[in-house]
């Protein structure tokens, strides 16, 4: 596949990263009202030997800190010192959201609903435009790191595109505890990448604004698995010991609060459940009324809501059937 004698040159932010170079570059985005320039820091590791170019990005939603910590640790531990190909590592894509502890940018728009963006659009649209136009055409595949939102904790999982067999293969190589296909969302980074033929998986693990070391370790291991599989790094050996293959999930269902009250889960995230098994209760504060939540089928729980007080209809458990 890669017959060239030397790797390609990568150009980002007006700077060229030559084969054999590692460099920190910046994509200029916008200014704060104070005039302070906001840009996206990008780390490029370009080996001399030809190979695929992998994008590892985090912080597309500014409050999803687990992915940011995954990239930070891998940079700190020099995990992207590769032998072949190139890695483009982006610790924080949505800098605006990160400094405001927010999923979105200050105008309330979601960057991950704004791709491919527009040069003269909203802040989110411009961020998506500048990022996509400088990054996407240079990569071969991507790993997009996320967490659950609104106090929902996602057990480590990868999501791939049903109509993209290469993204399914990438999820298999990553080997998170769970994986499943999910629909493409209009304006998402994965949708924009799919339209350009760039296989992309989303790694979801943990919840927003809270570190989860298990999720972080799983994310790091998955990226190492990808680097090792494509021969990009001889130092990407697994360090989590023997692991089971990823469980591929088919039918999935959110179990919702049957009434308003206090939500008390009775199982742990990631466990296997049987049809009819009691998983938790929703009760009033005076113990006069309570409703049991039972598993509708045999399967695995891969997301739990950590919100203690819930309203009727709130999503509580996400459960999936293995294929």
C-alpha atoms as a PDB file:
ATOM      1  CA  UNK A   1       0.000   0.000   0.000  1.00  0.00           C
ATOM      2  CA  UNK A   2       2.783   2.403   0.900  1.00  0.00           C
ATOM      3  CA  UNK A   3       5.479   1.914  -1.751  1.00  0.00           C
ATOM      4  CA  UNK A   4       7.223   5.271  -1.411  1.00  0.00           C
ATOM      5  CA  UNK A   5      10.778   5.252  -0.066  1.00  0.00           C
ATOM      6  CA  UNK A   6      10.077   8.202   2.227  1.00  0.00           C
ATOM      7  CA  UNK A   7       7.019   9.380   4.108  1.00  0.00           C
ATOM      8  CA  UNK A   8       4.942  12.345   2.952  1.00  0.00           C
ATOM      9  CA  UNK A   9       5.222  15.940   4.168  1.00  0.00           C
ATOM     10  CA  UNK A  10       2.415  17.089   6.465  1.00  0.00           C
ATOM     11  CA  UNK A  11       1.398  20.754   6.363  1.00  0.00           C
ATOM     12  CA  UNK A  12      -0.724  22.327   9.121  1.00  0.00           C
ATOM     13  CA  UNK A  13      -1.070  25.940  10.170  1.00  0.00           C
ATOM     14  CA  UNK A  14       1.304  27.080   7.435  1.00  0.00           C
ATOM     15  CA  UNK A  15       4.112  24.861   8.768  1.00  0.00           C
ATOM     16  CA  UNK A  16       5.592  21.812   7.072  1.00  0.00           C
ATOM     17  CA  UNK A  17       6.495  18.726   9.089  1.00  0.00           C
ATOM     18  CA  UNK A  18       9.073  16.769   7.097  1.00  0.00           C
ATOM     19  CA  UNK A  19       9.614  13.000   7.242  1.00  0.00           C
ATOM     20  CA  UNK A  20      11.570  12.232  10.409  1.00  0.00           C
ATOM     21  CA  UNK A  21      10.332  15.377  12.218  1.00  0.00           C
ATOM     22  CA  UNK A  22       8.113  15.812  15.280  1.00  0.00           C
ATOM     23  CA  UNK A  23       6.619  19.241  15.657  1.00  0.00           C
ATOM     24  CA  UNK A  24       3.976  21.209  17.566  1.00  0.00           C
ATOM     25  CA  UNK A  25       1.932  23.419  15.238  1.00  0.00           C
ATOM     26  CA  UNK A  26      -1.195  25.556  15.647  1.00  0.00           C
ATOM     27  CA  UNK A  27      -4.426  26.131  13.735  1.00  0.00           C
ATOM     28  CA  UNK A  28      -5.573  29.717  14.270  1.00  0.00           C
ATOM     29  CA  UNK A  29      -9.297  29.961  15.020  1.00  0.00           C
ATOM     30  CA  UNK A  30     -10.546  33.222  16.570  1.00  0.00           C
ATOM     31  CA  UNK A  31     -10.003  35.820  19.267  1.00  0.00           C
ATOM     32  CA  UNK A  32     -11.657  36.310  22.626  1.00  0.00           C
ATOM     33  CA  UNK A  33     -13.373  39.678  23.229  1.00  0.00           C
ATOM     34  CA  UNK A  34     -10.140  40.717  24.978  1.00  0.00           C
ATOM     35  CA  UNK A  35      -8.218  40.193  21.755  1.00  0.00           C
ATOM     36  CA  UNK A  36      -6.511  37.008  22.999  1.00  0.00           C
ATOM     37  CA  UNK A  37      -5.890  34.647  20.103  1.00  0.00           C
ATOM     38  CA  UNK A  38      -7.379  31.170  20.411  1.00  0.00           C
ATOM     39  CA  UNK A  39      -5.837  28.393  18.363  1.00  0.00           C
ATOM     40  CA  UNK A  40      -5.833  24.588  18.310  1.00  0.00           C
ATOM     41  CA  UNK A  41      -2.493  23.026  19.322  1.00  0.00           C
ATOM     42  CA  UNK A  42      -1.637  20.045  17.098  1.00  0.00           C
ATOM     43  CA  UNK A  43       1.216  17.592  17.643  1.00  0.00           C
ATOM     44  CA  UNK A  44       2.590  15.934  14.520  1.00  0.00           C
ATOM     45  CA  UNK A  45       4.833  12.863  14.619  1.00  0.00           C
ATOM     46  CA  UNK A  46       6.082  12.112  11.111  1.00  0.00           C
ATOM     47  CA  UNK A  47       8.306   9.053  10.719  1.00  0.00           C
ATOM     48  CA  UNK A  48      10.805   8.710   7.900  1.00  0.00           C
ATOM     49  CA  UNK A  49       9.370   5.406   6.704  1.00  0.00           C
ATOM     50  CA  UNK A  50       6.070   5.568   4.785  1.00  0.00           C
ATOM     51  CA  UNK A  51       2.881   4.340   6.384  1.00  0.00           C
ATOM     52  CA  UNK A  52      -0.659   5.404   7.269  1.00  0.00           C
ATOM     53  CA  UNK A  53      -1.500   8.703   8.932  1.00  0.00           C
ATOM     54  CA  UNK A  54      -3.619   8.373  12.074  1.00  0.00           C
ATOM     55  CA  UNK A  55      -5.518  11.262  13.664  1.00  0.00           C
ATOM     56  CA  UNK A  56      -6.148  10.974  17.411  1.00  0.00           C
ATOM     57  CA  UNK A  57      -8.330  13.819  18.644  1.00  0.00           C
ATOM     58  CA  UNK A  58     -10.020  14.748  21.911  1.00  0.00           C
ATOM     59  CA  UNK A  59     -11.950  17.628  23.429  1.00  0.00           C
ATOM     60  CA  UNK A  60     -14.354  18.117  20.531  1.00  0.00           C
ATOM     61  CA  UNK A  61     -16.761  18.676  23.406  1.00  0.00           C
ATOM     62  CA  UNK A  62     -14.887  20.862  25.861  1.00  0.00           C
ATOM     63  CA  UNK A  63     -16.175  19.185  29.041  1.00  0.00           C
ATOM     64  CA  UNK A  64     -15.205  15.645  28.009  1.00  0.00           C
ATOM     65  CA  UNK A  65     -11.903  15.470  29.829  1.00  0.00           C
ATOM     66  CA  UNK A  66     -11.126  11.734  29.724  1.00  0.00           C
ATOM     67  CA  UNK A  67     -10.133  11.910  26.064  1.00  0.00           C
ATOM     68  CA  UNK A  68      -8.001  14.966  26.736  1.00  0.00           C
ATOM     69  CA  UNK A  69      -6.183  13.051  29.479  1.00  0.00           C
ATOM     70  CA  UNK A  70      -5.696  10.033  27.197  1.00  0.00           C
ATOM     71  CA  UNK A  71      -3.869  12.160  24.626  1.00  0.00           C
ATOM     72  CA  UNK A  72      -1.948  14.062  27.321  1.00  0.00           C
ATOM     73  CA  UNK A  73      -0.674  10.841  28.930  1.00  0.00           C
ATOM     74  CA  UNK A  74       0.309   9.377  25.589  1.00  0.00           C
ATOM     75  CA  UNK A  75       2.238  12.536  24.750  1.00  0.00           C
ATOM     76  CA  UNK A  76       3.872  12.504  28.194  1.00  0.00           C
ATOM     77  CA  UNK A  77       4.845   8.831  27.856  1.00  0.00           C
ATOM     78  CA  UNK A  78       6.133   9.346  24.308  1.00  0.00           C
ATOM     79  CA  UNK A  79       3.659   6.777  22.949  1.00  0.00           C
ATOM     80  CA  UNK A  80       3.543   8.486  19.558  1.00  0.00           C
ATOM     81  CA  UNK A  81       7.246   7.958  18.832  1.00  0.00           C
ATOM     82  CA  UNK A  82       6.456   5.910  15.745  1.00  0.00           C
ATOM     83  CA  UNK A  83       8.571   3.984  13.239  1.00  0.00           C
ATOM     84  CA  UNK A  84       6.306   4.262  10.191  1.00  0.00           C
ATOM     85  CA  UNK A  85       3.640   6.644   8.960  1.00  0.00           C
ATOM     86  CA  UNK A  86       2.446   9.617  10.957  1.00  0.00           C
ATOM     87  CA  UNK A  87       0.309  10.489  13.956  1.00  0.00           C
ATOM     88  CA  UNK A  88      -1.565  13.779  14.271  1.00  0.00           C
ATOM     89  CA  UNK A  89      -2.527  14.189  17.939  1.00  0.00           C
ATOM     90  CA  UNK A  90      -4.984  16.887  19.065  1.00  0.00           C
ATOM     91  CA  UNK A  91      -5.477  17.016  22.854  1.00  0.00           C
ATOM     92  CA  UNK A  92      -8.153  19.763  22.843  1.00  0.00           C
ATOM     93  CA  UNK A  93     -10.088  20.558  19.704  1.00  0.00           C
ATOM     94  CA  UNK A  94     -12.729  22.798  21.297  1.00  0.00           C
ATOM     95  CA  UNK A  95     -10.523  25.150  23.315  1.00  0.00           C
ATOM     96  CA  UNK A  96     -13.428  27.573  23.842  1.00  0.00           C
ATOM     97  CA  UNK A  97     -15.569  24.881  25.450  1.00  0.00           C
ATOM     98  CA  UNK A  98     -12.691  23.604  27.561  1.00  0.00           C
ATOM     99  CA  UNK A  99     -11.939  26.944  29.205  1.00  0.00           C
ATOM    100  CA  UNK A 100     -15.675  27.436  29.906  1.00  0.00           C
ATOM    101  CA  UNK A 101     -16.185  23.866  31.271  1.00  0.00           C
ATOM    102  CA  UNK A 102     -18.749  23.454  28.514  1.00  0.00           C
ATOM    103  CA  UNK A 103     -19.696  20.973  25.822  1.00  0.00           C
ATOM    104  CA  UNK A 104     -20.294  23.818  23.382  1.00  0.00           C
ATOM    105  CA  UNK A 105     -18.673  27.084  22.335  1.00  0.00           C
ATOM    106  CA  UNK A 106     -19.792  30.353  24.032  1.00  0.00           C
ATOM    107  CA  UNK A 107     -22.561  31.022  21.483  1.00  0.00           C
ATOM    108  CA  UNK A 108     -24.224  27.737  22.483  1.00  0.00           C
ATOM    109  CA  UNK A 109     -23.482  25.846  19.277  1.00  0.00           C
ATOM    110  CA  UNK A 110     -22.032  22.329  19.182  1.00  0.00           C
ATOM    111  CA  UNK A 111     -18.847  22.048  17.105  1.00  0.00           C
ATOM    112  CA  UNK A 112     -19.676  18.379  16.522  1.00  0.00           C
ATOM    113  CA  UNK A 113     -22.845  19.425  14.709  1.00  0.00           C
ATOM    114  CA  UNK A 114     -21.076  22.053  12.592  1.00  0.00           C
ATOM    115  CA  UNK A 115     -18.841  20.095  10.171  1.00  0.00           C
ATOM    116  CA  UNK A 116     -17.666  20.652   7.506  1.00  0.00           C
ATOM    117  CA  UNK A 117     -18.208  24.246   8.593  1.00  0.00           C
ATOM    118  CA  UNK A 118     -17.983  27.569   6.810  1.00  0.00           C
ATOM    119  CA  UNK A 119     -15.195  30.122   6.623  1.00  0.00           C
ATOM    120  CA  UNK A 120     -17.506  33.001   7.547  1.00  0.00           C
ATOM    121  CA  UNK A 121     -20.064  31.168   9.700  1.00  0.00           C
ATOM    122  CA  UNK A 122     -20.649  31.015  13.451  1.00  0.00           C
ATOM    123  CA  UNK A 123     -17.788  30.414  15.852  1.00  0.00           C
ATOM    124  CA  UNK A 124     -18.501  26.663  15.881  1.00  0.00           C
ATOM    125  CA  UNK A 125     -18.802  26.594  12.087  1.00  0.00           C
ATOM    126  CA  UNK A 126     -15.526  28.454  11.590  1.00  0.00           C
ATOM    127  CA  UNK A 127     -13.747  26.173  14.041  1.00  0.00           C
ATOM    128  CA  UNK A 128     -15.027  23.114  12.167  1.00  0.00           C
ATOM    129  CA  UNK A 129     -14.073  24.636   8.811  1.00  0.00           C
ATOM    130  CA  UNK A 130     -10.481  25.553   9.684  1.00  0.00           C
ATOM    131  CA  UNK A 131      -9.886  22.245  11.429  1.00  0.00           C
ATOM    132  CA  UNK A 132     -11.416  20.021   8.752  1.00  0.00           C
ATOM    133  CA  UNK A 133      -9.844  21.867   5.827  1.00  0.00           C
ATOM    134  CA  UNK A 134      -6.348  21.540   7.284  1.00  0.00           C
ATOM    135  CA  UNK A 135      -6.547  18.043   8.764  1.00  0.00           C
ATOM    136  CA  UNK A 136      -8.978  15.715   7.024  1.00  0.00           C
ATOM    137  CA  UNK A 137      -7.394  15.474   3.578  1.00  0.00           C
ATOM    138  CA  UNK A 138      -4.048  14.429   5.105  1.00  0.00           C
ATOM    139  CA  UNK A 139      -5.196  11.466   7.220  1.00  0.00           C
ATOM    140  CA  UNK A 140      -6.010   7.836   6.432  1.00  0.00           C
ATOM    141  CA  UNK A 141      -8.177   7.122   9.485  1.00  0.00           C
ATOM    142  CA  UNK A 142      -9.167   8.715  12.793  1.00  0.00           C
ATOM    143  CA  UNK A 143      -9.975   7.984  16.437  1.00  0.00           C
ATOM    144  CA  UNK A 144     -12.326  10.536  18.031  1.00  0.00           C
ATOM    145  CA  UNK A 145     -12.316  10.418  21.864  1.00  0.00           C
ATOM    146  CA  UNK A 146     -15.498  11.242  23.806  1.00  0.00           C
ATOM    147  CA  UNK A 147     -17.313  10.620  27.112  1.00  0.00           C
ATOM    148  CA  UNK A 148     -20.944  10.427  28.152  1.00  0.00           C
ATOM    149  CA  UNK A 149     -22.704  13.721  28.811  1.00  0.00           C
ATOM    150  CA  UNK A 150     -25.164  15.033  31.388  1.00  0.00           C
ATOM    151  CA  UNK A 151     -23.898  12.689  34.149  1.00  0.00           C
ATOM    152  CA  UNK A 152     -24.257   9.592  31.974  1.00  0.00           C
ATOM    153  CA  UNK A 153     -21.295   7.275  32.412  1.00  0.00           C
ATOM    154  CA  UNK A 154     -20.342   5.260  29.332  1.00  0.00           C
ATOM    155  CA  UNK A 155     -18.536   1.974  29.816  1.00  0.00           C
ATOM    156  CA  UNK A 156     -15.588   1.966  27.363  1.00  0.00           C
ATOM    157  CA  UNK A 157     -17.000   1.398  23.875  1.00  0.00           C
ATOM    158  CA  UNK A 158     -16.296   2.127  20.231  1.00  0.00           C
ATOM    159  CA  UNK A 159     -18.860   3.249  17.681  1.00  0.00           C
ATOM    160  CA  UNK A 160     -18.354   2.700  13.968  1.00  0.00           C
ATOM    161  CA  UNK A 161     -20.276   3.503  10.791  1.00  0.00           C
ATOM    162  CA  UNK A 162     -22.504   0.688   9.539  1.00  0.00           C
ATOM    163  CA  UNK A 163     -21.801   1.400   5.858  1.00  0.00           C
ATOM    164  CA  UNK A 164     -18.044   1.646   6.365  1.00  0.00           C
ATOM    165  CA  UNK A 165     -16.428  -1.774   6.765  1.00  0.00           C
ATOM    166  CA  UNK A 166     -13.040  -0.167   7.357  1.00  0.00           C
ATOM    167  CA  UNK A 167     -14.353   1.690  10.390  1.00  0.00           C
ATOM    168  CA  UNK A 168     -15.758  -1.587  11.729  1.00  0.00           C
ATOM    169  CA  UNK A 169     -12.342  -3.172  11.215  1.00  0.00           C
ATOM    170  CA  UNK A 170     -10.733  -0.242  13.032  1.00  0.00           C
ATOM    171  CA  UNK A 171     -13.112  -0.762  15.980  1.00  0.00           C
ATOM    172  CA  UNK A 172     -12.190  -4.454  16.053  1.00  0.00           C
ATOM    173  CA  UNK A 173      -8.483  -3.575  16.149  1.00  0.00           C
ATOM    174  CA  UNK A 174      -9.032  -0.991  18.906  1.00  0.00           C
ATOM    175  CA  UNK A 175     -10.765  -3.727  20.918  1.00  0.00           C
ATOM    176  CA  UNK A 176     -12.707  -1.756  23.515  1.00  0.00           C
ATOM    177  CA  UNK A 177     -14.919  -3.854  25.831  1.00  0.00           C
ATOM    178  CA  UNK A 178     -17.982  -3.070  23.653  1.00  0.00           C
ATOM    179  CA  UNK A 179     -18.473  -1.939  20.069  1.00  0.00           C
ATOM    180  CA  UNK A 180     -21.485  -1.279  17.862  1.00  0.00           C
ATOM    181  CA  UNK A 181     -22.551   0.579  14.746  1.00  0.00           C
ATOM    182  CA  UNK A 182     -24.232   3.941  15.171  1.00  0.00           C
ATOM    183  CA  UNK A 183     -25.917   6.217  12.693  1.00  0.00           C
ATOM    184  CA  UNK A 184     -24.099   9.187  11.244  1.00  0.00           C
ATOM    185  CA  UNK A 185     -25.250  12.474  12.755  1.00  0.00           C
ATOM    186  CA  UNK A 186     -25.583  15.455  10.446  1.00  0.00           C
ATOM    187  CA  UNK A 187     -22.765  17.923  11.044  1.00  0.00           C
ATOM    188  CA  UNK A 188     -20.626  15.522  13.086  1.00  0.00           C
ATOM    189  CA  UNK A 189     -16.902  15.065  12.531  1.00  0.00           C
ATOM    190  CA  UNK A 190     -17.438  11.355  11.798  1.00  0.00           C
ATOM    191  CA  UNK A 191     -20.002  12.207   9.126  1.00  0.00           C
ATOM    192  CA  UNK A 192     -17.625  14.682   7.462  1.00  0.00           C
ATOM    193  CA  UNK A 193     -14.808  12.130   7.565  1.00  0.00           C
ATOM    194  CA  UNK A 194     -17.068   9.405   6.125  1.00  0.00           C
ATOM    195  CA  UNK A 195     -18.004  11.624   3.171  1.00  0.00           C
ATOM    196  CA  UNK A 196     -14.293  11.986   2.397  1.00  0.00           C
ATOM    197  CA  UNK A 197     -13.647   8.244   2.705  1.00  0.00           C
ATOM    198  CA  UNK A 198     -11.723   8.525   5.991  1.00  0.00           C
ATOM    199  CA  UNK A 199     -12.661   5.619   8.311  1.00  0.00           C
ATOM    200  CA  UNK A 200     -13.348   6.968  11.799  1.00  0.00           C
ATOM    201  CA  UNK A 201     -14.346   5.430  15.109  1.00  0.00           C
ATOM    202  CA  UNK A 202     -15.648   7.187  18.200  1.00  0.00           C
ATOM    203  CA  UNK A 203     -14.344   5.960  21.558  1.00  0.00           C
ATOM    204  CA  UNK A 204     -16.811   6.730  24.361  1.00  0.00           C
ATOM    205  CA  UNK A 205     -15.756   6.189  27.970  1.00  0.00           C
ATOM    206  CA  UNK A 206     -16.599   7.738  31.335  1.00  0.00           C
ATOM    207  CA  UNK A 207     -18.583  10.933  31.873  1.00  0.00           C
ATOM    208  CA  UNK A 208     -18.014  14.644  31.395  1.00  0.00           C
ATOM    209  CA  UNK A 209     -15.859  16.670  33.822  1.00  0.00           C
ATOM    210  CA  UNK A 210     -14.742  13.563  35.718  1.00  0.00           C
ATOM    211  CA  UNK A 211     -11.589  11.482  35.288  1.00  0.00           C
ATOM    212  CA  UNK A 212     -12.052   7.702  35.137  1.00  0.00           C
ATOM    213  CA  UNK A 213      -8.713   5.900  35.165  1.00  0.00           C
ATOM    214  CA  UNK A 214     -10.122   2.628  33.826  1.00  0.00           C
ATOM    215  CA  UNK A 215     -11.582   4.470  30.835  1.00  0.00           C
ATOM    216  CA  UNK A 216      -8.331   6.348  30.276  1.00  0.00           C
ATOM    217  CA  UNK A 217      -6.276   3.143  30.366  1.00  0.00           C
ATOM    218  CA  UNK A 218      -8.690   1.435  27.949  1.00  0.00           C
ATOM    219  CA  UNK A 219      -8.425   4.348  25.547  1.00  0.00           C
ATOM    220  CA  UNK A 220      -4.650   4.354  25.644  1.00  0.00           C
ATOM    221  CA  UNK A 221      -4.545   0.607  25.091  1.00  0.00           C
ATOM    222  CA  UNK A 222      -6.909   0.834  22.134  1.00  0.00           C
ATOM    223  CA  UNK A 223      -4.721   3.433  20.431  1.00  0.00           C
ATOM    224  CA  UNK A 224      -1.652   1.285  21.106  1.00  0.00           C
ATOM    225  CA  UNK A 225      -3.468  -1.657  19.510  1.00  0.00           C
ATOM    226  CA  UNK A 226      -4.059   0.386  16.348  1.00  0.00           C
ATOM    227  CA  UNK A 227      -0.449   1.612  16.170  1.00  0.00           C
ATOM    228  CA  UNK A 228       0.821  -1.942  16.653  1.00  0.00           C
ATOM    229  CA  UNK A 229      -1.571  -3.505  14.120  1.00  0.00           C
ATOM    230  CA  UNK A 230      -0.495  -1.185  11.322  1.00  0.00           C
ATOM    231  CA  UNK A 231       3.195  -1.611  12.154  1.00  0.00           C
ATOM    232  CA  UNK A 232       3.529   2.044  13.032  1.00  0.00           C
ATOM    233  CA  UNK A 233       5.257   1.442  16.368  1.00  0.00           C
ATOM    234  CA  UNK A 234       7.278  -1.431  17.764  1.00  0.00           C
ATOM    235  CA  UNK A 235       6.832   0.054  21.254  1.00  0.00           C
ATOM    236  CA  UNK A 236       3.044  -0.176  21.242  1.00  0.00           C
ATOM    237  CA  UNK A 237       2.929  -3.564  22.972  1.00  0.00           C
ATOM    238  CA  UNK A 238      -0.156  -4.168  25.131  1.00  0.00           C
ATOM    239  CA  UNK A 239       0.310  -3.424  28.830  1.00  0.00           C
ATOM    240  CA  UNK A 240      -3.111  -4.464  30.151  1.00  0.00           C
ATOM    241  CA  UNK A 241      -2.421  -8.197  29.951  1.00  0.00           C
ATOM    242  CA  UNK A 242      -4.794 -10.771  28.465  1.00  0.00           C
ATOM    243  CA  UNK A 243      -8.045  -9.221  27.266  1.00  0.00           C
ATOM    244  CA  UNK A 244     -11.255 -10.590  25.799  1.00  0.00           C
ATOM    245  CA  UNK A 245     -12.335  -9.608  22.328  1.00  0.00           C
ATOM    246  CA  UNK A 246     -14.710  -6.678  22.055  1.00  0.00           C
ATOM    247  CA  UNK A 247     -18.378  -7.630  22.490  1.00  0.00           C
ATOM    248  CA  UNK A 248     -20.270  -6.576  19.357  1.00  0.00           C
ATOM    249  CA  UNK A 249     -23.713  -5.254  20.264  1.00  0.00           C
ATOM    250  CA  UNK A 250     -26.757  -5.267  18.029  1.00  0.00           C
ATOM    251  CA  UNK A 251     -30.179  -4.226  19.344  1.00  0.00           C
ATOM    252  CA  UNK A 252     -29.890  -1.460  21.948  1.00  0.00           C
ATOM    253  CA  UNK A 253     -32.438   0.170  24.206  1.00  0.00           C
ATOM    254  CA  UNK A 254     -32.511   3.018  26.727  1.00  0.00           C
ATOM    255  CA  UNK A 255     -34.448   2.156  29.881  1.00  0.00           C
ATOM    256  CA  UNK A 256     -36.165   5.312  31.088  1.00  0.00           C
ATOM    257  CA  UNK A 257     -37.493   6.502  34.421  1.00  0.00           C
ATOM    258  CA  UNK A 258     -41.091   5.254  34.835  1.00  0.00           C
ATOM    259  CA  UNK A 259     -41.789   8.089  37.260  1.00  0.00           C
ATOM    260  CA  UNK A 260     -40.047  11.064  38.852  1.00  0.00           C
ATOM    261  CA  UNK A 261     -38.032  10.448  41.996  1.00  0.00           C
ATOM    262  CA  UNK A 262     -34.651   9.322  43.303  1.00  0.00           C
ATOM    263  CA  UNK A 263     -32.788   6.893  41.072  1.00  0.00           C
ATOM    264  CA  UNK A 264     -30.910   4.077  42.820  1.00  0.00           C
ATOM    265  CA  UNK A 265     -29.021   1.728  40.463  1.00  0.00           C
ATOM    266  CA  UNK A 266     -28.438  -1.785  41.802  1.00  0.00           C
ATOM    267  CA  UNK A 267     -25.908  -3.003  39.236  1.00  0.00           C
ATOM    268  CA  UNK A 268     -22.533  -1.843  37.974  1.00  0.00           C
ATOM    269  CA  UNK A 269     -21.856  -0.469  34.528  1.00  0.00           C
ATOM    270  CA  UNK A 270     -20.529  -3.025  32.035  1.00  0.00           C
ATOM    271  CA  UNK A 271     -22.201  -6.065  33.603  1.00  0.00           C
ATOM    272  CA  UNK A 272     -24.222  -8.764  31.880  1.00  0.00           C
ATOM    273  CA  UNK A 273     -27.909  -8.915  32.825  1.00  0.00           C
ATOM    274  CA  UNK A 274     -30.739 -11.399  32.271  1.00  0.00           C
ATOM    275  CA  UNK A 275     -34.261 -10.686  31.084  1.00  0.00           C
ATOM    276  CA  UNK A 276     -36.437  -9.676  34.025  1.00  0.00           C
ATOM    277  CA  UNK A 277     -33.482  -8.963  36.320  1.00  0.00           C
ATOM    278  CA  UNK A 278     -34.002  -6.002  38.638  1.00  0.00           C
ATOM    279  CA  UNK A 279     -31.464  -3.314  37.755  1.00  0.00           C
ATOM    280  CA  UNK A 280     -32.518  -0.437  39.979  1.00  0.00           C
ATOM    281  CA  UNK A 281     -35.427   1.513  41.397  1.00  0.00           C
ATOM    282  CA  UNK A 282     -36.919   4.981  41.220  1.00  0.00           C
ATOM    283  CA  UNK A 283     -38.454   5.973  44.560  1.00  0.00           C
ATOM    284  CA  UNK A 284     -40.001   9.016  46.149  1.00  0.00           C
ATOM    285  CA  UNK A 285     -38.211  10.599  49.127  1.00  0.00           C
ATOM    286  CA  UNK A 286     -40.790   9.258  51.621  1.00  0.00           C
ATOM    287  CA  UNK A 287     -40.548   5.574  50.534  1.00  0.00           C
ATOM    288  CA  UNK A 288     -44.272   5.516  49.810  1.00  0.00           C
ATOM    289  CA  UNK A 289     -43.935   4.761  46.106  1.00  0.00           C
ATOM    290  CA  UNK A 290     -41.197   3.044  44.145  1.00  0.00           C
ATOM    291  CA  UNK A 291     -40.851   1.555  40.685  1.00  0.00           C
ATOM    292  CA  UNK A 292     -38.508  -1.274  39.743  1.00  0.00           C
ATOM    293  CA  UNK A 293     -36.500  -1.142  36.525  1.00  0.00           C
ATOM    294  CA  UNK A 294     -36.051  -4.572  34.972  1.00  0.00           C
ATOM    295  CA  UNK A 295     -33.972  -5.807  32.047  1.00  0.00           C
ATOM    296  CA  UNK A 296     -36.142  -6.220  28.914  1.00  0.00           C
ATOM    297  CA  UNK A 297     -33.802  -8.859  27.451  1.00  0.00           C
ATOM    298  CA  UNK A 298     -30.521 -10.665  28.047  1.00  0.00           C
ATOM    299  CA  UNK A 299     -27.650  -8.311  27.345  1.00  0.00           C
ATOM    300  CA  UNK A 300     -24.989  -5.949  28.650  1.00  0.00           C
ATOM    301  CA  UNK A 301     -25.294  -2.573  30.347  1.00  0.00           C
ATOM    302  CA  UNK A 302     -22.954  -0.060  28.720  1.00  0.00           C
ATOM    303  CA  UNK A 303     -24.186   3.262  30.104  1.00  0.00           C
ATOM    304  CA  UNK A 304     -25.664   4.349  33.450  1.00  0.00           C
ATOM    305  CA  UNK A 305     -27.073   7.730  34.449  1.00  0.00           C
ATOM    306  CA  UNK A 306     -25.416   9.023  37.631  1.00  0.00           C
ATOM    307  CA  UNK A 307     -28.093  11.655  38.201  1.00  0.00           C
ATOM    308  CA  UNK A 308     -29.608  10.926  41.623  1.00  0.00           C
ATOM    309  CA  UNK A 309     -32.873  12.839  41.131  1.00  0.00           C
ATOM    310  CA  UNK A 310     -34.667  12.122  37.868  1.00  0.00           C
ATOM    311  CA  UNK A 311     -37.830  13.077  36.023  1.00  0.00           C
ATOM    312  CA  UNK A 312     -40.175  10.683  34.294  1.00  0.00           C
ATOM    313  CA  UNK A 313     -38.731   9.677  30.941  1.00  0.00           C
ATOM    314  CA  UNK A 314     -35.089  10.381  31.802  1.00  0.00           C
ATOM    315  CA  UNK A 315     -32.628   7.842  30.327  1.00  0.00           C
ATOM    316  CA  UNK A 316     -31.256   5.605  33.109  1.00  0.00           C
ATOM    317  CA  UNK A 317     -29.640   2.481  31.624  1.00  0.00           C
ATOM    318  CA  UNK A 318     -28.436   1.752  28.095  1.00  0.00           C
ATOM    319  CA  UNK A 319     -28.523  -1.964  27.407  1.00  0.00           C
ATOM    320  CA  UNK A 320     -27.490  -3.911  24.309  1.00  0.00           C
ATOM    321  CA  UNK A 321     -27.834  -7.448  22.936  1.00  0.00           C
ATOM    322  CA  UNK A 322     -24.610  -9.169  21.852  1.00  0.00           C
ATOM    323  CA  UNK A 323     -24.516 -10.348  18.246  1.00  0.00           C
END
